[in-house]
PDB file of N, CA and C in Angstrom:
ATOM      1  N   MET A   1     -63.800  10.215  12.829  1.00  0.00           N
ATOM      2  CA  MET A   1     -64.843  10.898  13.564  1.00  0.00           C
ATOM      3  C   MET A   1     -66.133  10.855  12.738  1.00  0.00           C
ATOM      4  N   LEU A   2     -67.225  10.486  13.370  1.00  0.00           N
ATOM      5  CA  LEU A   2     -68.516  10.441  12.699  1.00  0.00           C
ATOM      6  C   LEU A   2     -69.101  11.841  12.594  1.00  0.00           C
ATOM      7  N   THR A   3     -69.586  12.188  11.402  1.00  0.00           N
ATOM      8  CA  THR A   3     -70.255  13.473  11.212  1.00  0.00           C
ATOM      9  C   THR A   3     -71.592  13.238  10.532  1.00  0.00           C
ATOM     10  N   ALA A   4     -72.534  14.137  10.774  1.00  0.00           N
ATOM     11  CA  ALA A   4     -73.874  14.021  10.208  1.00  0.00           C
ATOM     12  C   ALA A   4     -73.855  14.342   8.717  1.00  0.00           C
ATOM     13  N   ILE A   5     -74.471  13.452   7.935  1.00  0.00           N
ATOM     14  CA  ILE A   5     -74.603  13.681   6.499  1.00  0.00           C
ATOM     15  C   ILE A   5     -76.060  13.492   6.098  1.00  0.00           C
ATOM     16  N   GLU A   6     -76.396  13.937   4.894  1.00  0.00           N
ATOM     17  CA  GLU A   6     -77.751  13.811   4.372  1.00  0.00           C
ATOM     18  C   GLU A   6     -78.239  12.369   4.484  1.00  0.00           C
ATOM     19  N   GLY A   7     -79.449  12.216   5.029  1.00  0.00           N
ATOM     20  CA  GLY A   7     -80.047  10.895   5.175  1.00  0.00           C
ATOM     21  C   GLY A   7     -79.819  10.237   6.520  1.00  0.00           C
ATOM     22  N   ASP A   8     -78.876  10.765   7.321  1.00  0.00           N
ATOM     23  CA  ASP A   8     -78.644  10.211   8.662  1.00  0.00           C
ATOM     24  C   ASP A   8     -79.813  10.549   9.578  1.00  0.00           C
ATOM     25  N   TYR A   9     -80.174   9.611  10.440  1.00  0.00           N
ATOM     26  CA  TYR A   9     -81.127   9.897  11.514  1.00  0.00           C
ATOM     27  C   TYR A   9     -80.294  10.288  12.723  1.00  0.00           C
ATOM     28  N   ILE A  10     -80.551  11.485  13.253  1.00  0.00           N
ATOM     29  CA  ILE A  10     -79.754  11.970  14.380  1.00  0.00           C
ATOM     30  C   ILE A  10     -80.644  12.416  15.529  1.00  0.00           C
ATOM     31  N   LEU A  11     -80.050  12.514  16.702  1.00  0.00           N
ATOM     32  CA  LEU A  11     -80.694  13.059  17.894  1.00  0.00           C
ATOM     33  C   LEU A  11     -79.903  14.284  18.312  1.00  0.00           C
ATOM     34  N   VAL A  12     -80.602  15.395  18.553  1.00  0.00           N
ATOM     35  CA  VAL A  12     -79.920  16.619  18.979  1.00  0.00           C
ATOM     36  C   VAL A  12     -80.667  17.267  20.132  1.00  0.00           C
ATOM     37  N   ASP A  13     -79.908  17.825  21.047  1.00  0.00           N
ATOM     38  CA  ASP A  13     -80.473  18.739  22.031  1.00  0.00           C
ATOM     39  C   ASP A  13     -80.334  20.127  21.443  1.00  0.00           C
ATOM     40  N   TYR A  14     -81.280  20.987  21.719  1.00  0.00           N
ATOM     41  CA  TYR A  14     -81.250  22.327  21.141  1.00  0.00           C
ATOM     42  C   TYR A  14     -81.861  23.336  22.103  1.00  0.00           C
ATOM     43  N   SER A  15     -81.526  24.590  21.888  1.00  0.00           N
ATOM     44  CA  SER A  15     -82.173  25.715  22.561  1.00  0.00           C
ATOM     45  C   SER A  15     -82.356  26.798  21.514  1.00  0.00           C
ATOM     46  N   GLU A  16     -83.594  27.251  21.337  1.00  0.00           N
ATOM     47  CA  GLU A  16     -83.883  28.324  20.384  1.00  0.00           C
ATOM     48  C   GLU A  16     -83.972  29.633  21.149  1.00  0.00           C
ATOM     49  N   ARG A  17     -83.308  30.649  20.612  1.00  0.00           N
ATOM     50  CA  ARG A  17     -83.262  31.952  21.271  1.00  0.00           C
ATOM     51  C   ARG A  17     -83.622  33.054  20.288  1.00  0.00           C
ATOM     52  N   LEU A  18     -84.186  34.113  20.818  1.00  0.00           N
ATOM     53  CA  LEU A  18     -84.401  35.322  20.029  1.00  0.00           C
ATOM     54  C   LEU A  18     -83.078  36.072  19.943  1.00  0.00           C
ATOM     55  N   GLU A  19     -83.027  37.117  19.121  1.00  0.00           N
ATOM     56  CA  GLU A  19     -81.791  37.885  18.967  1.00  0.00           C
ATOM     57  C   GLU A  19     -81.280  38.441  20.291  1.00  0.00           C
ATOM     58  N   ASP A  20     -82.187  38.745  21.214  1.00  0.00           N
ATOM     59  CA  ASP A  20     -81.767  39.314  22.499  1.00  0.00           C
ATOM     60  C   ASP A  20     -81.319  38.246  23.500  1.00  0.00           C
ATOM     61  N   GLY A  21     -81.316  36.975  23.076  1.00  0.00           N
ATOM     62  CA  GLY A  21     -80.867  35.891  23.945  1.00  0.00           C
ATOM     63  C   GLY A  21     -81.980  35.174  24.687  1.00  0.00           C
ATOM     64  N   THR A  22     -83.205  35.658  24.599  1.00  0.00           N
ATOM     65  CA  THR A  22     -84.335  35.041  25.285  1.00  0.00           C
ATOM     66  C   THR A  22     -84.611  33.649  24.716  1.00  0.00           C
ATOM     67  N   VAL A  23     -84.591  32.646  25.585  1.00  0.00           N
ATOM     68  CA  VAL A  23     -84.891  31.274  25.167  1.00  0.00           C
ATOM     69  C   VAL A  23     -86.401  31.141  25.009  1.00  0.00           C
ATOM     70  N   PHE A  24     -86.845  30.644  23.834  1.00  0.00           N
ATOM     71  CA  PHE A  24     -88.279  30.428  23.652  1.00  0.00           C
ATOM     72  C   PHE A  24     -88.627  28.960  23.421  1.00  0.00           C
ATOM     73  N   ASP A  25     -87.628  28.120  23.235  1.00  0.00           N
ATOM     74  CA  ASP A  25     -87.869  26.682  23.117  1.00  0.00           C
ATOM     75  C   ASP A  25     -86.551  25.958  23.368  1.00  0.00           C
ATOM     76  N   THR A  26     -86.626  24.789  23.968  1.00  0.00           N
ATOM     77  CA  THR A  26     -85.429  23.997  24.239  1.00  0.00           C
ATOM     78  C   THR A  26     -85.823  22.551  24.490  1.00  0.00           C
ATOM     79  N   SER A  27     -84.888  21.667  24.242  1.00  0.00           N
ATOM     80  CA  SER A  27     -85.101  20.251  24.554  1.00  0.00           C
ATOM     81  C   SER A  27     -84.434  19.880  25.874  1.00  0.00           C
ATOM     82  N   ILE A  28     -83.836  20.869  26.533  1.00  0.00           N
ATOM     83  CA  ILE A  28     -83.047  20.632  27.744  1.00  0.00           C
ATOM     84  C   ILE A  28     -83.808  21.164  28.962  1.00  0.00           C
ATOM     85  N   GLU A  29     -84.178  20.272  29.853  1.00  0.00           N
ATOM     86  CA  GLU A  29     -85.006  20.636  31.002  1.00  0.00           C
ATOM     87  C   GLU A  29     -84.380  21.740  31.850  1.00  0.00           C
ATOM     88  N   SER A  30     -83.095  21.639  32.163  1.00  0.00           N
ATOM     89  CA  SER A  30     -82.456  22.648  33.021  1.00  0.00           C
ATOM     90  C   SER A  30     -82.459  24.028  32.366  1.00  0.00           C
ATOM     91  N   VAL A  31     -82.333  24.079  31.048  1.00  0.00           N
ATOM     92  CA  VAL A  31     -82.386  25.360  30.326  1.00  0.00           C
ATOM     93  C   VAL A  31     -83.799  25.930  30.403  1.00  0.00           C
ATOM     94  N   ALA A  32     -84.804  25.071  30.254  1.00  0.00           N
ATOM     95  CA  ALA A  32     -86.197  25.512  30.344  1.00  0.00           C
ATOM     96  C   ALA A  32     -86.503  26.079  31.724  1.00  0.00           C
ATOM     97  N   VAL A  33     -86.021  25.415  32.759  1.00  0.00           N
ATOM     98  CA  VAL A  33     -86.239  25.890  34.130  1.00  0.00           C
ATOM     99  C   VAL A  33     -85.579  27.251  34.317  1.00  0.00           C
ATOM    100  N   GLU A  34     -84.322  27.363  33.905  1.00  0.00           N
ATOM    101  CA  GLU A  34     -83.585  28.619  34.065  1.00  0.00           C
ATOM    102  C   GLU A  34     -84.239  29.760  33.281  1.00  0.00           C
ATOM    103  N   ALA A  35     -84.781  29.458  32.100  1.00  0.00           N
ATOM    104  CA  ALA A  35     -85.409  30.481  31.262  1.00  0.00           C
ATOM    105  C   ALA A  35     -86.856  30.750  31.665  1.00  0.00           C
ATOM    106  N   GLU A  36     -87.341  30.015  32.658  1.00  0.00           N
ATOM    107  CA  GLU A  36     -88.709  30.142  33.161  1.00  0.00           C
ATOM    108  C   GLU A  36     -89.748  29.831  32.089  1.00  0.00           C
ATOM    109  N   ILE A  37     -89.449  28.836  31.251  1.00  0.00           N
ATOM    110  CA  ILE A  37     -90.409  28.366  30.249  1.00  0.00           C
ATOM    111  C   ILE A  37     -90.714  26.879  30.453  1.00  0.00           C
ATOM    112  N   TYR A  38     -90.342  26.359  31.608  1.00  0.00           N
ATOM    113  CA  TYR A  38     -90.555  24.939  31.891  1.00  0.00           C
ATOM    114  C   TYR A  38     -92.036  24.597  31.786  1.00  0.00           C
ATOM    115  N   ASN A  39     -92.326  23.491  31.116  1.00  0.00           N
ATOM    116  CA  ASN A  39     -93.689  23.030  30.935  1.00  0.00           C
ATOM    117  C   ASN A  39     -93.780  21.620  31.510  1.00  0.00           C
ATOM    118  N   LEU A  40     -94.532  21.463  32.580  1.00  0.00           N
ATOM    119  CA  LEU A  40     -94.660  20.179  33.262  1.00  0.00           C
ATOM    120  C   LEU A  40     -95.184  19.077  32.340  1.00  0.00           C
ATOM    121  N   GLY A  41     -95.998  19.448  31.358  1.00  0.00           N
ATOM    122  CA  GLY A  41     -96.588  18.462  30.461  1.00  0.00           C
ATOM    123  C   GLY A  41     -95.702  18.069  29.291  1.00  0.00           C
ATOM    124  N   ARG A  42     -94.519  18.630  29.218  1.00  0.00           N
ATOM    125  CA  ARG A  42     -93.618  18.346  28.097  1.00  0.00           C
ATOM    126  C   ARG A  42     -92.517  17.388  28.524  1.00  0.00           C
ATOM    127  N   GLU A  43     -92.123  16.532  27.611  1.00  0.00           N
ATOM    128  CA  GLU A  43     -90.995  15.640  27.858  1.00  0.00           C
ATOM    129  C   GLU A  43     -89.747  16.279  27.254  1.00  0.00           C
ATOM    130  N   TYR A  44     -88.769  16.562  28.075  1.00  0.00           N
ATOM    131  CA  TYR A  44     -87.518  17.171  27.614  1.00  0.00           C
ATOM    132  C   TYR A  44     -86.548  16.060  27.242  1.00  0.00           C
ATOM    133  N   LYS A  45     -86.263  15.970  25.961  1.00  0.00           N
ATOM    134  CA  LYS A  45     -85.374  14.926  25.455  1.00  0.00           C
ATOM    135  C   LYS A  45     -84.828  15.377  24.107  1.00  0.00           C
ATOM    136  N   PRO A  46     -83.756  14.747  23.637  1.00  0.00           N
ATOM    137  CA  PRO A  46     -83.212  15.119  22.332  1.00  0.00           C
ATOM    138  C   PRO A  46     -84.248  14.942  21.219  1.00  0.00           C
ATOM    139  N   LEU A  47     -84.161  15.800  20.231  1.00  0.00           N
ATOM    140  CA  LEU A  47     -85.045  15.780  19.074  1.00  0.00           C
ATOM    141  C   LEU A  47     -84.444  14.866  18.010  1.00  0.00           C
ATOM    142  N   GLY A  48     -85.227  13.927  17.507  1.00  0.00           N
ATOM    143  CA  GLY A  48     -84.752  13.017  16.472  1.00  0.00           C
ATOM    144  C   GLY A  48     -85.331  13.376  15.117  1.00  0.00           C
ATOM    145  N   PHE A  49     -84.488  13.378  14.090  1.00  0.00           N
ATOM    146  CA  PHE A  49     -84.954  13.646  12.731  1.00  0.00           C
ATOM    147  C   PHE A  49     -83.934  13.148  11.720  1.00  0.00           C
ATOM    148  N   THR A  50     -84.372  13.033  10.471  1.00  0.00           N
ATOM    149  CA  THR A  50     -83.499  12.631   9.375  1.00  0.00           C
ATOM    150  C   THR A  50     -82.943  13.882   8.710  1.00  0.00           C
ATOM    151  N   VAL A  51     -81.629  13.967   8.623  1.00  0.00           N
ATOM    152  CA  VAL A  51     -80.958  15.142   8.062  1.00  0.00           C
ATOM    153  C   VAL A  51     -81.352  15.333   6.596  1.00  0.00           C
ATOM    154  N   ASP A  52     -81.710  16.562   6.263  1.00  0.00           N
ATOM    155  CA  ASP A  52     -82.031  16.996   4.902  1.00  0.00           C
ATOM    156  C   ASP A  52     -83.224  16.255   4.307  1.00  0.00           C
ATOM    157  N   ALA A  53     -84.179  15.883   5.163  1.00  0.00           N
ATOM    158  CA  ALA A  53     -85.385  15.203   4.681  1.00  0.00           C
ATOM    159  C   ALA A  53     -86.591  16.134   4.704  1.00  0.00           C
ATOM    160  N   GLY A  54     -86.367  17.415   5.025  1.00  0.00           N
ATOM    161  CA  GLY A  54     -87.459  18.378   5.055  1.00  0.00           C
ATOM    162  C   GLY A  54     -88.307  18.307   6.309  1.00  0.00           C
ATOM    163  N   GLU A  55     -87.828  17.639   7.336  1.00  0.00           N
ATOM    164  CA  GLU A  55     -88.585  17.511   8.582  1.00  0.00           C
ATOM    165  C   GLU A  55     -88.398  18.715   9.499  1.00  0.00           C
ATOM    166  N   MET A  56     -87.336  19.464   9.289  1.00  0.00           N
ATOM    167  CA  MET A  56     -86.987  20.594  10.154  1.00  0.00           C
ATOM    168  C   MET A  56     -86.971  21.875   9.327  1.00  0.00           C
ATOM    169  N   ILE A  57     -86.884  23.024  10.019  1.00  0.00           N
ATOM    170  CA  ILE A  57     -86.723  24.260   9.264  1.00  0.00           C
ATOM    171  C   ILE A  57     -85.402  24.183   8.505  1.00  0.00           C
ATOM    172  N   GLU A  58     -85.375  24.811   7.342  1.00  0.00           N
ATOM    173  CA  GLU A  58     -84.247  24.667   6.417  1.00  0.00           C
ATOM    174  C   GLU A  58     -82.895  25.014   7.034  1.00  0.00           C
ATOM    175  N   GLY A  59     -82.816  26.128   7.750  1.00  0.00           N
ATOM    176  CA  GLY A  59     -81.542  26.551   8.323  1.00  0.00           C
ATOM    177  C   GLY A  59     -81.004  25.586   9.366  1.00  0.00           C
ATOM    178  N   PHE A  60     -81.890  24.982  10.138  1.00  0.00           N
ATOM    179  CA  PHE A  60     -81.474  24.003  11.144  1.00  0.00           C
ATOM    180  C   PHE A  60     -81.017  22.721  10.454  1.00  0.00           C
ATOM    181  N   ASP A  61     -81.792  22.288   9.482  1.00  0.00           N
ATOM    182  CA  ASP A  61     -81.468  21.077   8.728  1.00  0.00           C
ATOM    183  C   ASP A  61     -80.073  21.177   8.113  1.00  0.00           C
ATOM    184  N   ARG A  62     -79.797  22.283   7.439  1.00  0.00           N
ATOM    185  CA  ARG A  62     -78.485  22.458   6.808  1.00  0.00           C
ATOM    186  C   ARG A  62     -77.392  22.697   7.841  1.00  0.00           C
ATOM    187  N   GLY A  63     -77.761  23.311   8.956  1.00  0.00           N
ATOM    188  CA  GLY A  63     -76.772  23.649   9.978  1.00  0.00           C
ATOM    189  C   GLY A  63     -76.160  22.467  10.702  1.00  0.00           C
ATOM    190  N   VAL A  64     -76.854  21.336  10.709  1.00  0.00           N
ATOM    191  CA  VAL A  64     -76.309  20.164  11.403  1.00  0.00           C
ATOM    192  C   VAL A  64     -75.433  19.295  10.498  1.00  0.00           C
ATOM    193  N   VAL A  65     -75.491  19.531   9.187  1.00  0.00           N
ATOM    194  CA  VAL A  65     -74.659  18.749   8.262  1.00  0.00           C
ATOM    195  C   VAL A  65     -73.190  18.989   8.601  1.00  0.00           C
ATOM    196  N   GLY A  66     -72.450  17.912   8.771  1.00  0.00           N
ATOM    197  CA  GLY A  66     -71.031  18.012   9.093  1.00  0.00           C
ATOM    198  C   GLY A  66     -70.728  18.079  10.578  1.00  0.00           C
ATOM    199  N   MET A  67     -71.772  18.151  11.422  1.00  0.00           N
ATOM    200  CA  MET A  67     -71.532  18.167  12.867  1.00  0.00           C
ATOM    201  C   MET A  67     -70.991  16.827  13.324  1.00  0.00           C
ATOM    202  N   ALA A  68     -70.035  16.874  14.227  1.00  0.00           N
ATOM    203  CA  ALA A  68     -69.476  15.657  14.802  1.00  0.00           C
ATOM    204  C   ALA A  68     -70.421  15.104  15.859  1.00  0.00           C
ATOM    205  N   CYS A  69     -70.389  13.799  16.012  1.00  0.00           N
ATOM    206  CA  CYS A  69     -71.137  13.150  17.078  1.00  0.00           C
ATOM    207  C   CYS A  69     -70.701  13.760  18.410  1.00  0.00           C
ATOM    208  N   TRP A  70     -71.630  14.154  19.238  1.00  0.00           N
ATOM    209  CA  TRP A  70     -71.421  14.826  20.517  1.00  0.00           C
ATOM    210  C   TRP A  70     -70.887  16.250  20.346  1.00  0.00           C
ATOM    211  N   GLY A  71     -70.890  16.760  19.112  1.00  0.00           N
ATOM    212  CA  GLY A  71     -70.411  18.120  18.859  1.00  0.00           C
ATOM    213  C   GLY A  71     -71.425  19.166  19.283  1.00  0.00           C
ATOM    214  N   GLU A  72     -70.988  20.385  19.250  1.00  0.00           N
ATOM    215  CA  GLU A  72     -71.847  21.515  19.604  1.00  0.00           C
ATOM    216  C   GLU A  72     -71.655  22.581  18.544  1.00  0.00           C
ATOM    217  N   ARG A  73     -72.747  23.235  18.171  1.00  0.00           N
ATOM    218  CA  ARG A  73     -72.678  24.241  17.130  1.00  0.00           C
ATOM    219  C   ARG A  73     -73.712  25.318  17.415  1.00  0.00           C
ATOM    220  N   ARG A  74     -73.331  26.548  17.178  1.00  0.00           N
ATOM    221  CA  ARG A  74     -74.268  27.665  17.316  1.00  0.00           C
ATOM    222  C   ARG A  74     -74.698  28.082  15.916  1.00  0.00           C
ATOM    223  N   LEU A  75     -75.998  28.069  15.681  1.00  0.00           N
ATOM    224  CA  LEU A  75     -76.539  28.445  14.380  1.00  0.00           C
ATOM    225  C   LEU A  75     -77.285  29.761  14.503  1.00  0.00           C
ATOM    226  N   ILE A  76     -77.025  30.665  13.597  1.00  0.00           N
ATOM    227  CA  ILE A  76     -77.822  31.884  13.482  1.00  0.00           C
ATOM    228  C   ILE A  76     -78.583  31.725  12.178  1.00  0.00           C
ATOM    229  N   ILE A  77     -79.891  31.569  12.294  1.00  0.00           N
ATOM    230  CA  ILE A  77     -80.712  31.220  11.138  1.00  0.00           C
ATOM    231  C   ILE A  77     -81.563  32.416  10.729  1.00  0.00           C
ATOM    232  N   ALA A  78     -81.417  32.822   9.482  1.00  0.00           N
ATOM    233  CA  ALA A  78     -82.199  33.935   8.946  1.00  0.00           C
ATOM    234  C   ALA A  78     -83.674  33.542   8.869  1.00  0.00           C
ATOM    235  N   TYR A  79     -84.541  34.535   8.985  1.00  0.00           N
ATOM    236  CA  TYR A  79     -85.977  34.260   9.010  1.00  0.00           C
ATOM    237  C   TYR A  79     -86.444  33.477   7.784  1.00  0.00           C
ATOM    238  N   ASP A  80     -85.824  33.723   6.616  1.00  0.00           N
ATOM    239  CA  ASP A  80     -86.273  33.030   5.407  1.00  0.00           C
ATOM    240  C   ASP A  80     -85.876  31.556   5.395  1.00  0.00           C
ATOM    241  N   GLU A  81     -85.005  31.148   6.306  1.00  0.00           N
ATOM    242  CA  GLU A  81     -84.649  29.736   6.453  1.00  0.00           C
ATOM    243  C   GLU A  81     -85.197  29.174   7.762  1.00  0.00           C
ATOM    244  N   ALA A  82     -86.078  29.945   8.391  1.00  0.00           N
ATOM    245  CA  ALA A  82     -86.644  29.521   9.674  1.00  0.00           C
ATOM    246  C   ALA A  82     -88.169  29.533   9.576  1.00  0.00           C
ATOM    247  N   TYR A  83     -88.794  30.458  10.291  1.00  0.00           N
ATOM    248  CA  TYR A  83     -90.250  30.491  10.362  1.00  0.00           C
ATOM    249  C   TYR A  83     -90.868  31.551   9.471  1.00  0.00           C
ATOM    250  N   GLY A  84     -90.044  32.242   8.670  1.00  0.00           N
ATOM    251  CA  GLY A  84     -90.547  33.275   7.767  1.00  0.00           C
ATOM    252  C   GLY A  84     -90.472  34.658   8.385  1.00  0.00           C
ATOM    253  N   ALA A  85     -90.709  35.650   7.552  1.00  0.00           N
ATOM    254  CA  ALA A  85     -90.662  37.044   7.990  1.00  0.00           C
ATOM    255  C   ALA A  85     -91.810  37.336   8.950  1.00  0.00           C
ATOM    256  N   HIS A  86     -91.594  38.340   9.781  1.00  0.00           N
ATOM    257  CA  HIS A  86     -92.654  38.785  10.687  1.00  0.00           C
ATOM    258  C   HIS A  86     -93.832  39.267   9.853  1.00  0.00           C
ATOM    259  N   CYS A  87     -94.994  38.843  10.202  1.00  0.00           N
ATOM    260  CA  CYS A  87     -96.201  39.208   9.464  1.00  0.00           C
ATOM    261  C   CYS A  87     -97.231  39.666  10.494  1.00  0.00           C
ATOM    262  N   ALA A  88     -97.467  40.978  10.530  1.00  0.00           N
ATOM    263  CA  ALA A  88     -98.328  41.562  11.567  1.00  0.00           C
ATOM    264  C   ALA A  88     -99.715  40.931  11.612  1.00  0.00           C
ATOM    265  N   ASN A  89    -100.253  40.533  10.461  1.00  0.00           N
ATOM    266  CA  ASN A  89    -101.607  39.970  10.483  1.00  0.00           C
ATOM    267  C   ASN A  89    -101.641  38.528  10.996  1.00  0.00           C
ATOM    268  N   ARG A  90    -100.478  37.970  11.323  1.00  0.00           N
ATOM    269  CA  ARG A  90    -100.433  36.631  11.911  1.00  0.00           C
ATOM    270  C   ARG A  90    -100.153  36.677  13.414  1.00  0.00           C
ATOM    271  N   VAL A  91    -100.079  37.883  13.961  1.00  0.00           N
ATOM    272  CA  VAL A  91     -99.832  38.058  15.392  1.00  0.00           C
ATOM    273  C   VAL A  91    -101.160  38.333  16.080  1.00  0.00           C
ATOM    274  N   MET A  92    -101.438  37.571  17.122  1.00  0.00           N
ATOM    275  CA  MET A  92    -102.668  37.766  17.888  1.00  0.00           C
ATOM    276  C   MET A  92    -102.304  38.224  19.291  1.00  0.00           C
ATOM    277  N   THR A  93    -103.039  39.186  19.779  1.00  0.00           N
ATOM    278  CA  THR A  93    -102.882  39.610  21.161  1.00  0.00           C
ATOM    279  C   THR A  93    -104.049  39.015  21.943  1.00  0.00           C
ATOM    280  N   ILE A  94    -103.718  38.247  22.961  1.00  0.00           N
ATOM    281  CA  ILE A  94    -104.742  37.593  23.773  1.00  0.00           C
ATOM    282  C   ILE A  94    -104.549  38.026  25.218  1.00  0.00           C
ATOM    283  N   GLN A  95    -105.627  38.439  25.852  1.00  0.00           N
ATOM    284  CA  GLN A  95    -105.540  38.859  27.246  1.00  0.00           C
ATOM    285  C   GLN A  95    -105.200  37.655  28.122  1.00  0.00           C
ATOM    286  N   ILE A  96    -104.320  37.888  29.074  1.00  0.00           N
ATOM    287  CA  ILE A  96    -103.895  36.817  29.982  1.00  0.00           C
ATOM    288  C   ILE A  96    -105.099  36.200  30.685  1.00  0.00           C
ATOM    289  N   GLU A  97    -106.073  37.025  31.037  1.00  0.00           N
ATOM    290  CA  GLU A  97    -107.261  36.518  31.725  1.00  0.00           C
ATOM    291  C   GLU A  97    -107.986  35.462  30.890  1.00  0.00           C
ATOM    292  N   LYS A  98    -107.999  35.640  29.569  1.00  0.00           N
ATOM    293  CA  LYS A  98    -108.660  34.653  28.706  1.00  0.00           C
ATOM    294  C   LYS A  98    -107.910  33.325  28.729  1.00  0.00           C
ATOM    295  N   LEU A  99    -106.601  33.397  28.794  1.00  0.00           N
ATOM    296  CA  LEU A  99    -105.817  32.163  28.867  1.00  0.00           C
ATOM    297  C   LEU A  99    -106.069  31.449  30.184  1.00  0.00           C
ATOM    298  N   THR A 100    -105.989  32.200  31.281  1.00  0.00           N
ATOM    299  CA  THR A 100    -106.170  31.566  32.592  1.00  0.00           C
ATOM    300  C   THR A 100    -107.590  31.033  32.758  1.00  0.00           C
ATOM    301  N   THR A 101    -108.585  31.741  32.216  1.00  0.00           N
ATOM    302  CA  THR A 101    -109.963  31.262  32.265  1.00  0.00           C
ATOM    303  C   THR A 101    -110.102  29.937  31.520  1.00  0.00           C
ATOM    304  N   ALA A 102    -109.320  29.780  30.448  1.00  0.00           N
ATOM    305  CA  ALA A 102    -109.349  28.540  29.662  1.00  0.00           C
ATOM    306  C   ALA A 102    -108.465  27.455  30.273  1.00  0.00           C
ATOM    307  N   GLY A 103    -107.888  27.740  31.443  1.00  0.00           N
ATOM    308  CA  GLY A 103    -107.052  26.749  32.113  1.00  0.00           C
ATOM    309  C   GLY A 103    -105.627  26.689  31.601  1.00  0.00           C
ATOM    310  N   ILE A 104    -105.212  27.726  30.868  1.00  0.00           N
ATOM    311  CA  ILE A 104    -103.855  27.772  30.324  1.00  0.00           C
ATOM    312  C   ILE A 104    -103.001  28.663  31.205  1.00  0.00           C
ATOM    313  N   ILE A 105    -101.901  28.130  31.684  1.00  0.00           N
ATOM    314  CA  ILE A 105    -100.962  28.935  32.465  1.00  0.00           C
ATOM    315  C   ILE A 105    -100.029  29.617  31.470  1.00  0.00           C
ATOM    316  N   PRO A 106    -100.109  30.959  31.364  1.00  0.00           N
ATOM    317  CA  PRO A 106     -99.290  31.655  30.368  1.00  0.00           C
ATOM    318  C   PRO A 106     -97.809  31.661  30.736  1.00  0.00           C
ATOM    319  N   VAL A 107     -96.998  31.085  29.851  1.00  0.00           N
ATOM    320  CA  VAL A 107     -95.553  31.006  30.033  1.00  0.00           C
ATOM    321  C   VAL A 107     -94.918  31.295  28.679  1.00  0.00           C
ATOM    322  N   VAL A 108     -93.916  32.166  28.660  1.00  0.00           N
ATOM    323  CA  VAL A 108     -93.217  32.453  27.412  1.00  0.00           C
ATOM    324  C   VAL A 108     -92.657  31.153  26.849  1.00  0.00           C
ATOM    325  N   GLY A 109     -92.897  30.930  25.564  1.00  0.00           N
ATOM    326  CA  GLY A 109     -92.424  29.729  24.893  1.00  0.00           C
ATOM    327  C   GLY A 109     -93.460  28.624  24.806  1.00  0.00           C
ATOM    328  N   LYS A 110     -94.532  28.738  25.600  1.00  0.00           N
ATOM    329  CA  LYS A 110     -95.558  27.697  25.596  1.00  0.00           C
ATOM    330  C   LYS A 110     -96.356  27.756  24.297  1.00  0.00           C
ATOM    331  N   LYS A 111     -96.598  26.597  23.716  1.00  0.00           N
ATOM    332  CA  LYS A 111     -97.395  26.511  22.499  1.00  0.00           C
ATOM    333  C   LYS A 111     -98.863  26.367  22.900  1.00  0.00           C
ATOM    334  N   ILE A 112     -99.743  27.090  22.197  1.00  0.00           N
ATOM    335  CA  ILE A 112    -101.171  27.028  22.494  1.00  0.00           C
ATOM    336  C   ILE A 112    -101.955  26.839  21.198  1.00  0.00           C
ATOM    337  N   VAL A 113    -103.184  26.342  21.341  1.00  0.00           N
ATOM    338  CA  VAL A 113    -104.096  26.188  20.210  1.00  0.00           C
ATOM    339  C   VAL A 113    -105.370  26.928  20.577  1.00  0.00           C
ATOM    340  N   THR A 114    -105.828  27.829  19.683  1.00  0.00           N
ATOM    341  CA  THR A 114    -107.048  28.592  19.947  1.00  0.00           C
ATOM    342  C   THR A 114    -108.271  27.743  19.621  1.00  0.00           C
ATOM    343  N   ILE A 115    -109.450  28.252  19.982  1.00  0.00           N
ATOM    344  CA  ILE A 115    -110.681  27.518  19.671  1.00  0.00           C
ATOM    345  C   ILE A 115    -110.906  27.424  18.166  1.00  0.00           C
ATOM    346  N   HIS A 116    -110.223  28.275  17.404  1.00  0.00           N
ATOM    347  CA  HIS A 116    -110.334  28.242  15.938  1.00  0.00           C
ATOM    348  C   HIS A 116    -109.213  27.413  15.310  1.00  0.00           C
ATOM    349  N   GLU A 117    -108.522  26.628  16.147  1.00  0.00           N
ATOM    350  CA  GLU A 117    -107.448  25.730  15.710  1.00  0.00           C
ATOM    351  C   GLU A 117    -106.209  26.451  15.193  1.00  0.00           C
ATOM    352  N   HIS A 118    -106.024  27.722  15.573  1.00  0.00           N
ATOM    353  CA  HIS A 118    -104.783  28.420  15.256  1.00  0.00           C
ATOM    354  C   HIS A 118    -103.738  27.993  16.282  1.00  0.00           C
ATOM    355  N   VAL A 119    -102.559  27.656  15.811  1.00  0.00           N
ATOM    356  CA  VAL A 119    -101.476  27.238  16.691  1.00  0.00           C
ATOM    357  C   VAL A 119    -100.497  28.390  16.820  1.00  0.00           C
ATOM    358  N   GLY A 120    -100.066  28.650  18.040  1.00  0.00           N
ATOM    359  CA  GLY A 120     -99.116  29.730  18.254  1.00  0.00           C
ATOM    360  C   GLY A 120     -98.245  29.479  19.462  1.00  0.00           C
ATOM    361  N   THR A 121     -97.338  30.403  19.670  1.00  0.00           N
ATOM    362  CA  THR A 121     -96.413  30.341  20.794  1.00  0.00           C
ATOM    363  C   THR A 121     -96.500  31.648  21.554  1.00  0.00           C
ATOM    364  N   ILE A 122     -96.566  31.576  22.876  1.00  0.00           N
ATOM    365  CA  ILE A 122     -96.568  32.785  23.695  1.00  0.00           C
ATOM    366  C   ILE A 122     -95.167  33.372  23.648  1.00  0.00           C
ATOM    367  N   MET A 123     -95.053  34.588  23.135  1.00  0.00           N
ATOM    368  CA  MET A 123     -93.743  35.212  22.965  1.00  0.00           C
ATOM    369  C   MET A 123     -93.413  36.198  24.083  1.00  0.00           C
ATOM    370  N   ILE A 124     -94.383  36.947  24.552  1.00  0.00           N
ATOM    371  CA  ILE A 124     -94.159  37.902  25.647  1.00  0.00           C
ATOM    372  C   ILE A 124     -95.382  37.916  26.550  1.00  0.00           C
ATOM    373  N   LEU A 125     -95.184  38.354  27.777  1.00  0.00           N
ATOM    374  CA  LEU A 125     -96.300  38.505  28.725  1.00  0.00           C
ATOM    375  C   LEU A 125     -96.408  39.953  29.135  1.00  0.00           C
TER     376      LEU A 125
END
């Protein structure tokens, strides 16, 4: 049986969820539709990366090591191996009207870029 090891280039489908089960990102179109985060401008396809090459968040990178081809695994990744601890000064509250005025349809999970080049993800509406 083939398993993923350091240096392998692999393709994975994934769904990222908050602790309460809310999907905020996925590579699977049907999951995005069901979670109401579908983005017409996004291509839903498996994510390709080299295992343990620093291309992914640490917990995900390590979590796929040893996975079998066509296998499935549930990873619970601590914040220090993911996107870091919650930092209140990095959270911006933006009025929905400002998004719609800018031509952005607000959808949970959608990634946006502000006029100041800050990149973020809509987490709640």
